[in-house]
Amino acid sequence: MEFVETFSNPILLLILKEKFSSDELLLFRPGNRLSVMPVSSQVPNKILPISFVTS
């Protein structure tokens, strides 16, 4: 994985929760904090289209 771009507007946590389960994004599991965490290769493919809609 590598840096692709900076989004002009943040993607709201509410939107991420609508698009991902706690199995896909560890951020949603109890006790996890927003930081660097591993993600599967499918997560960036789902986040990038969302960034264009919210930007």
N, C-alpha and C. Protein backbone atom coordinates (compact mmCIF):
# COMPACT_ATOMS: atom_id res chain seq x y z
N MET A 1 0.84 -1.16 0.00
CA MET A 1 0.00 0.00 0.00
C MET A 1 0.89 1.22 0.00
N GLU A 2 0.41 2.27 -0.67
CA GLU A 2 1.18 3.50 -0.73
C GLU A 2 0.24 4.69 -0.71
N PHE A 3 0.80 5.86 -0.37
CA PHE A 3 0.05 7.09 -0.37
C PHE A 3 -0.48 7.38 -1.77
N VAL A 4 -1.75 7.77 -1.86
CA VAL A 4 -2.35 8.08 -3.15
C VAL A 4 -2.65 9.57 -3.26
N GLU A 5 -3.39 10.09 -2.29
CA GLU A 5 -3.74 11.50 -2.33
C GLU A 5 -4.28 11.95 -0.98
N THR A 6 -4.33 13.27 -0.80
CA THR A 6 -4.97 13.86 0.36
C THR A 6 -6.37 14.27 -0.06
N PHE A 7 -7.37 13.90 0.72
CA PHE A 7 -8.74 14.26 0.39
C PHE A 7 -8.98 15.72 0.77
N SER A 8 -9.71 16.44 -0.06
CA SER A 8 -9.98 17.85 0.22
C SER A 8 -10.96 17.99 1.39
N ASN A 9 -11.82 17.01 1.59
CA ASN A 9 -12.74 16.99 2.73
C ASN A 9 -12.61 15.64 3.43
N PRO A 10 -12.70 15.63 4.75
CA PRO A 10 -12.61 14.34 5.45
C PRO A 10 -13.84 13.47 5.17
N ILE A 11 -13.65 12.18 5.26
CA ILE A 11 -14.76 11.24 5.16
C ILE A 11 -15.27 11.03 6.58
N LEU A 12 -16.51 11.33 6.80
CA LEU A 12 -17.08 11.25 8.14
C LEU A 12 -17.12 9.81 8.65
N LEU A 13 -16.92 9.67 9.94
CA LEU A 13 -16.97 8.36 10.57
C LEU A 13 -18.33 7.70 10.33
N LEU A 14 -19.38 8.47 10.34
CA LEU A 14 -20.72 7.96 10.09
C LEU A 14 -20.81 7.30 8.71
N ILE A 15 -20.20 7.91 7.72
CA ILE A 15 -20.21 7.34 6.36
C ILE A 15 -19.39 6.06 6.32
N LEU A 16 -18.24 6.05 6.98
CA LEU A 16 -17.43 4.83 7.02
C LEU A 16 -18.19 3.69 7.69
N LYS A 17 -18.91 4.01 8.75
CA LYS A 17 -19.69 2.97 9.45
C LYS A 17 -20.81 2.42 8.58
N GLU A 18 -21.33 3.24 7.67
CA GLU A 18 -22.37 2.77 6.75
C GLU A 18 -21.79 1.82 5.70
N LYS A 19 -20.53 2.03 5.33
CA LYS A 19 -19.91 1.30 4.23
C LYS A 19 -19.11 0.07 4.65
N PHE A 20 -18.68 0.04 5.93
CA PHE A 20 -17.79 -1.02 6.40
C PHE A 20 -18.31 -1.67 7.67
N SER A 21 -18.00 -2.94 7.82
CA SER A 21 -18.31 -3.65 9.06
C SER A 21 -17.09 -3.58 9.98
N SER A 22 -17.27 -4.00 11.22
CA SER A 22 -16.14 -4.03 12.15
C SER A 22 -15.12 -5.09 11.76
N ASP A 23 -15.52 -6.04 10.94
CA ASP A 23 -14.56 -7.02 10.44
C ASP A 23 -13.66 -6.42 9.36
N GLU A 24 -14.20 -5.44 8.62
CA GLU A 24 -13.42 -4.81 7.56
C GLU A 24 -12.51 -3.70 8.09
N LEU A 25 -13.02 -2.91 9.03
CA LEU A 25 -12.24 -1.82 9.62
C LEU A 25 -12.16 -2.02 11.13
N LEU A 26 -10.97 -2.30 11.61
CA LEU A 26 -10.78 -2.54 13.04
C LEU A 26 -11.13 -1.32 13.89
N LEU A 27 -11.15 -0.16 13.28
CA LEU A 27 -11.49 1.08 13.98
C LEU A 27 -12.82 0.98 14.70
N PHE A 28 -13.75 0.20 14.16
CA PHE A 28 -15.09 0.11 14.73
C PHE A 28 -15.22 -0.89 15.87
N ARG A 29 -14.17 -1.61 16.13
CA ARG A 29 -14.22 -2.57 17.24
C ARG A 29 -14.01 -1.83 18.56
N PRO A 30 -14.71 -2.24 19.60
CA PRO A 30 -14.56 -1.58 20.89
C PRO A 30 -13.10 -1.56 21.36
N GLY A 31 -12.68 -0.43 21.88
CA GLY A 31 -11.33 -0.30 22.42
C GLY A 31 -10.29 0.19 21.43
N ASN A 32 -10.62 0.24 20.14
CA ASN A 32 -9.66 0.72 19.14
C ASN A 32 -9.77 2.23 19.00
N ARG A 33 -8.63 2.84 18.75
CA ARG A 33 -8.58 4.28 18.57
C ARG A 33 -8.13 4.59 17.16
N LEU A 34 -8.43 5.80 16.73
CA LEU A 34 -8.03 6.24 15.41
C LEU A 34 -6.52 6.38 15.35
N SER A 35 -5.89 5.53 14.61
CA SER A 35 -4.44 5.55 14.44
C SER A 35 -4.11 4.71 13.21
N VAL A 36 -2.86 4.43 13.03
CA VAL A 36 -2.46 3.58 11.92
C VAL A 36 -2.78 2.14 12.27
N MET A 37 -3.54 1.49 11.40
CA MET A 37 -3.89 0.09 11.63
C MET A 37 -3.97 -0.64 10.30
N PRO A 38 -3.75 -1.94 10.32
CA PRO A 38 -3.78 -2.69 9.06
C PRO A 38 -5.20 -2.74 8.48
N VAL A 39 -5.26 -2.73 7.15
CA VAL A 39 -6.53 -2.90 6.44
C VAL A 39 -6.32 -3.89 5.30
N SER A 40 -7.38 -4.53 4.91
CA SER A 40 -7.28 -5.46 3.78
C SER A 40 -7.16 -4.65 2.49
N SER A 41 -6.79 -5.31 1.42
CA SER A 41 -6.61 -4.61 0.14
C SER A 41 -7.94 -4.10 -0.42
N GLN A 42 -9.07 -4.61 0.05
CA GLN A 42 -10.36 -4.15 -0.45
C GLN A 42 -10.78 -2.81 0.15
N VAL A 43 -10.29 -2.48 1.32
CA VAL A 43 -10.71 -1.25 1.99
C VAL A 43 -10.35 0.00 1.18
N PRO A 44 -9.12 0.17 0.72
CA PRO A 44 -8.82 1.37 -0.08
C PRO A 44 -9.67 1.44 -1.35
N ASN A 45 -9.97 0.31 -1.94
CA ASN A 45 -10.80 0.30 -3.15
C ASN A 45 -12.22 0.77 -2.87
N LYS A 46 -12.67 0.63 -1.63
CA LYS A 46 -14.00 1.12 -1.26
C LYS A 46 -13.96 2.56 -0.77
N ILE A 47 -12.83 2.98 -0.18
CA ILE A 47 -12.72 4.34 0.36
C ILE A 47 -12.53 5.37 -0.75
N LEU A 48 -11.73 5.07 -1.74
CA LEU A 48 -11.45 6.06 -2.79
C LEU A 48 -12.72 6.56 -3.48
N PRO A 49 -13.64 5.69 -3.90
CA PRO A 49 -14.87 6.23 -4.51
C PRO A 49 -15.68 7.10 -3.55
N ILE A 50 -15.68 6.75 -2.25
CA ILE A 50 -16.40 7.54 -1.26
C ILE A 50 -15.80 8.95 -1.17
N SER A 51 -14.48 9.05 -1.29
CA SER A 51 -13.82 10.35 -1.16
C SER A 51 -14.25 11.32 -2.25
N PHE A 52 -14.56 10.81 -3.43
CA PHE A 52 -14.99 11.68 -4.53
C PHE A 52 -16.42 12.18 -4.31
N VAL A 53 -17.22 11.39 -3.65
CA VAL A 53 -18.62 11.77 -3.38
C VAL A 53 -18.68 12.82 -2.28
N THR A 54 -17.85 12.67 -1.24
CA THR A 54 -17.89 13.59 -0.10
C THR A 54 -17.06 14.83 -0.31
N SER A 55 -16.22 14.84 -1.33
CA SER A 55 -15.36 16.01 -1.57
C SER A 55 -16.12 17.15 -2.18
